[in-house]
Each structure stands twice: as C-alpha cells, then as structure tokens.
C-alpha cells in the first residue's frame, strides 16, 4: 500500500514540476528535495492525496515561494474538509523553524510581535497596507470584558518600525487546525504566550 501511495504522490508532484521548479530555484531549493519530503508527508498523512489538484498546486507553490519544505519542521501541508465546497482542500502553514528561517532571510528584522485579538478589542487592518495595522486593547480587563478570541496575528518590523511581514489567522482557522498544536505554537510563539518579541534576529 505504501508503494502505491508514494507512486501516486510522486505523479501528483511531477505534474506540477513546471510551475514549482522555478520558484524553488529562486529560493535555492531543489525539486528533488521537495519531492522526497512530499512523499514522506503523504505517507504520514495520506489524506493529502484526497485534496483537490488546484488546492495542492496553490499551497505547494506558496511553500516553494517561501523557500520552505513541508517536513513538519519548516512547514506542513494540512488536508481539511471544506463544508461549503464539499471537497478536501490543502492548506500550507509555516512552522516555527520555517518562520525563523524566513526571518533570517529577510534580514534587518528588529522585532516580532504575536498577539491574540478579542471581540471587544479595536482591530483595524487595510490588507493592501500592512503598516495600517491598529490593535488596541485593555491588558487589565477581565476575560469577559475583552470577549472571546476572534483571531491572531504576527507582525515583523524593521528598526524604523515599518512592517516587513504580517501573518493573520482567524478563529475559524485556529479551530480548524486545533488538532495540530504546533501551528498554534507557530502563531503564538514558542513560549505559547500571546506576545513574543525578538530583537535583531
């Protein structure tokens, strides 16, 4: 059975080679390495092959563009059932090691802040302008005053306080991946706290 799975997984990735290989080369990665890692990922989670070809192509391309591989250390490919579309979709998520790798590649990162957003917080973001992020909350408020968690974000800034990179995750996505605690660790920071700050990464 494992041989059949690896053959199918290899065929799936090979069909995307022309799209993915250039992205990998731009980031100093090889298609052969991604292929090997993908086969292992599918052996560990066969449902990946049940995902739609379009979602696999899209998410693997994102992973390749970030210069990461889905080895459960740098990143993961997660299959999930979309109730609206009634199909299995793939979702790419960078892990702690992958985020650290990306931070080092970005260079000049002065600070990283990871926060949870509650329903009574003031949160404003123009997605076309990451520098527009505004998040105001009362750190001394009781849990019931701040309300339920609605999402979270991680923002990377340079020494001029300009946003270099911004990641957001809705509560729905958090719940969707609740069975994968490493993803929450990636969002909240290795300590699991709602705020983590790194200087001169």
Protein backbone atom coordinates (compact mmCIF):
# COMPACT_ATOMS: atom_id res chain seq x y z
CA UNK A 1 0.00 0.00 0.00
CA UNK A 2 2.80 2.43 0.89
CA UNK A 3 4.40 1.86 -2.53
CA UNK A 4 1.13 2.75 -4.27
CA UNK A 5 0.82 5.89 -2.15
CA UNK A 6 4.35 7.06 -2.93
CA UNK A 7 3.89 6.39 -6.65
CA UNK A 8 0.67 8.43 -6.69
CA UNK A 9 2.27 11.20 -4.62
CA UNK A 10 5.24 11.31 -6.99
CA UNK A 11 2.95 11.56 -10.00
CA UNK A 12 0.97 14.39 -8.39
CA UNK A 13 4.08 16.46 -7.70
CA UNK A 14 5.70 15.67 -11.04
CA UNK A 15 2.63 17.09 -12.78
CA UNK A 16 3.37 20.42 -11.06
CA UNK A 17 7.10 20.46 -11.74
CA UNK A 18 6.99 23.11 -14.48
CA UNK A 19 5.21 25.54 -12.14
CA UNK A 20 7.07 24.78 -8.93
CA UNK A 21 10.67 24.22 -10.07
CA UNK A 22 11.28 27.91 -10.97
CA UNK A 23 10.03 29.01 -7.54
CA UNK A 24 12.35 26.53 -5.87
CA UNK A 25 15.36 27.68 -7.87
CA UNK A 26 14.70 31.30 -6.91
CA UNK A 27 14.94 30.27 -3.25
CA UNK A 28 17.94 27.95 -3.54
CA UNK A 29 15.88 24.77 -3.24
CA UNK A 30 15.78 21.69 -5.46
CA UNK A 31 12.72 19.94 -6.85
CA UNK A 32 14.19 16.56 -5.87
CA UNK A 33 14.35 17.56 -2.20
CA UNK A 34 10.78 18.86 -2.23
CA UNK A 35 9.66 15.66 -3.94
CA UNK A 36 11.32 13.46 -1.30
CA UNK A 37 9.84 15.50 1.54
CA UNK A 38 6.39 15.48 -0.09
CA UNK A 39 6.43 11.68 -0.38
CA UNK A 40 7.20 11.37 3.33
CA UNK A 41 4.47 13.89 4.19
CA UNK A 42 1.92 11.87 2.20
CA UNK A 43 2.97 8.63 3.88
CA UNK A 44 2.39 10.30 7.24
CA UNK A 45 -0.92 11.86 6.13
CA UNK A 46 -2.42 10.00 3.11
CA UNK A 47 -5.46 12.32 3.05
CA UNK A 48 -3.24 14.91 1.37
CA UNK A 49 -3.84 12.99 -1.86
CA UNK A 50 -7.59 13.48 -1.44
CA UNK A 51 -7.16 17.25 -1.75
CA UNK A 52 -8.17 18.95 -4.98
CA UNK A 53 -5.33 19.31 -7.51
CA UNK A 54 -5.84 23.08 -7.62
CA UNK A 55 -5.50 23.48 -3.85
CA UNK A 56 -2.41 21.26 -3.79
CA UNK A 57 -0.79 23.22 -6.59
CA UNK A 58 -1.62 26.54 -4.92
CA UNK A 59 -0.41 25.59 -1.44
CA UNK A 60 2.73 23.77 -2.58
CA UNK A 61 3.57 26.80 -4.72
CA UNK A 62 3.20 29.04 -1.66
CA UNK A 63 5.53 26.76 0.28
CA UNK A 64 8.09 26.76 -2.54
CA UNK A 65 7.87 30.54 -2.92
CA UNK A 66 8.71 30.90 0.77
CA UNK A 67 11.74 28.65 0.29
CA UNK A 68 10.37 26.06 2.73
CA UNK A 69 9.58 22.34 2.55
CA UNK A 70 6.61 20.55 4.22
CA UNK A 71 8.73 18.39 6.51
CA UNK A 72 6.74 19.19 9.70
CA UNK A 73 9.68 21.29 10.86
CA UNK A 74 9.77 24.15 8.38
CA UNK A 75 6.17 23.79 7.22
CA UNK A 76 3.21 21.43 6.93
CA UNK A 77 0.55 20.64 4.34
CA UNK A 78 -2.77 20.01 6.05
CA UNK A 79 -5.83 18.46 4.42
CA UNK A 80 -9.19 19.75 5.60
CA UNK A 81 -12.80 19.29 4.56
CA UNK A 82 -14.50 22.39 3.16
CA UNK A 83 -18.16 22.10 4.10
CA UNK A 84 -19.19 24.82 1.68
CA UNK A 85 -17.48 23.40 -1.39
CA UNK A 86 -17.85 19.79 -0.22
CA UNK A 87 -14.27 18.96 -1.14
CA UNK A 88 -10.98 18.23 0.60
CA UNK A 89 -8.58 21.16 0.38
CA UNK A 90 -4.88 21.51 1.17
CA UNK A 91 -3.55 24.27 3.39
CA UNK A 92 0.10 25.27 3.77
CA UNK A 93 1.27 26.53 7.16
CA UNK A 94 4.83 27.58 8.05
CA UNK A 95 6.14 26.17 11.33
CA UNK A 96 8.38 27.76 13.96
CA UNK A 97 11.58 26.60 12.28
CA UNK A 98 10.33 27.84 8.91
CA UNK A 99 9.33 31.22 10.31
CA UNK A 100 12.76 31.62 11.92
CA UNK A 101 14.38 30.68 8.63
CA UNK A 102 12.31 33.28 6.78
CA UNK A 103 13.13 35.92 9.38
CA UNK A 104 16.85 35.31 8.95
CA UNK A 105 16.47 35.54 5.18
CA UNK A 106 14.56 38.80 5.42
CA UNK A 107 17.39 40.36 7.41
CA UNK A 108 17.14 43.55 9.40
CA UNK A 109 14.22 42.31 11.49
CA UNK A 110 14.17 44.35 14.69
CA UNK A 111 11.08 42.97 16.41
CA UNK A 112 8.43 40.29 16.14
CA UNK A 113 5.11 40.70 17.95
CA UNK A 114 2.47 37.95 18.16
CA UNK A 115 -0.93 38.78 19.62
CA UNK A 116 -4.42 37.34 20.01
CA UNK A 117 -7.36 39.58 19.09
CA UNK A 118 -10.54 39.59 21.22
CA UNK A 119 -14.01 40.61 20.06
CA UNK A 120 -14.04 43.82 22.13
CA UNK A 121 -10.57 44.92 21.03
CA UNK A 122 -10.16 47.61 18.40
CA UNK A 123 -8.54 45.95 15.39
CA UNK A 124 -8.20 47.68 12.02
CA UNK A 125 -6.20 46.44 9.04
CA UNK A 126 -6.17 47.51 5.42
CA UNK A 127 -4.83 44.32 3.84
CA UNK A 128 -3.34 46.31 0.98
CA UNK A 129 -1.27 48.28 3.51
CA UNK A 130 0.29 46.19 6.33
CA UNK A 131 1.53 49.39 8.03
CA UNK A 132 -2.11 50.34 8.64
CA UNK A 133 -2.43 47.74 11.43
CA UNK A 134 -4.02 49.15 14.60
CA UNK A 135 -4.74 46.91 17.59
CA UNK A 136 -5.88 48.46 20.87
CA UNK A 137 -6.92 46.51 23.96
CA UNK A 138 -7.09 46.87 27.73
CA UNK A 139 -4.47 44.47 29.16
CA UNK A 140 -6.02 44.84 32.62
CA UNK A 141 -9.56 43.97 31.53
CA UNK A 142 -11.17 40.80 32.81
CA UNK A 143 -11.56 37.99 30.24
CA UNK A 144 -15.31 38.54 30.00
CA UNK A 145 -14.73 42.25 29.30
CA UNK A 146 -12.42 41.60 26.38
CA UNK A 147 -14.74 38.95 24.97
CA UNK A 148 -13.92 35.83 23.01
CA UNK A 149 -10.80 35.43 20.89
CA UNK A 150 -11.59 36.20 17.23
CA UNK A 151 -8.15 35.68 15.72
CA UNK A 152 -4.46 36.40 15.98
CA UNK A 153 -1.54 37.88 14.11
CA UNK A 154 2.24 38.09 13.95
CA UNK A 155 3.99 41.21 12.68
CA UNK A 156 7.67 41.60 11.78
CA UNK A 157 9.09 45.15 11.90
CA UNK A 158 12.44 46.70 10.99
CA UNK A 159 14.34 49.24 13.11
CA UNK A 160 12.22 52.02 11.59
CA UNK A 161 9.11 50.23 12.87
CA UNK A 162 8.00 49.51 9.31
CA UNK A 163 6.12 46.25 8.72
CA UNK A 164 8.29 43.76 6.84
CA UNK A 165 5.89 40.83 7.07
CA UNK A 166 2.41 40.23 8.50
CA UNK A 167 0.56 36.97 9.15
CA UNK A 168 -3.05 36.76 10.36
CA UNK A 169 -5.22 33.81 11.38
CA UNK A 170 -8.95 33.82 12.10
CA UNK A 171 -10.53 31.95 14.99
CA UNK A 172 -12.13 29.63 12.43
CA UNK A 173 -8.69 28.72 11.10
CA UNK A 174 -7.38 28.23 14.64
CA UNK A 175 -10.24 25.85 15.37
CA UNK A 176 -9.75 24.10 12.06
CA UNK A 177 -6.15 23.31 12.96
CA UNK A 178 -6.73 22.79 16.68
CA UNK A 179 -5.64 19.18 16.33
CA UNK A 180 -2.25 20.48 15.18
CA UNK A 181 -0.90 22.31 18.29
CA UNK A 182 2.38 23.08 16.54
CA UNK A 183 0.52 25.53 14.31
CA UNK A 184 -0.72 27.46 17.30
CA UNK A 185 2.81 27.41 18.65
CA UNK A 186 3.96 28.91 15.37
CA UNK A 187 1.41 31.70 15.67
CA UNK A 188 1.76 32.40 19.39
CA UNK A 189 5.49 31.87 19.72
CA UNK A 190 7.46 29.02 21.22
CA UNK A 191 6.50 30.00 24.76
CA UNK A 192 2.79 29.75 23.93
CA UNK A 193 2.21 33.30 25.24
CA UNK A 194 0.15 35.83 23.34
CA UNK A 195 3.12 38.14 22.87
CA UNK A 196 6.68 37.34 21.89
CA UNK A 197 9.37 39.83 20.96
CA UNK A 198 12.67 39.07 19.27
CA UNK A 199 15.37 41.66 18.68
CA UNK A 200 17.94 41.75 15.93
CA UNK A 201 17.08 38.31 14.54
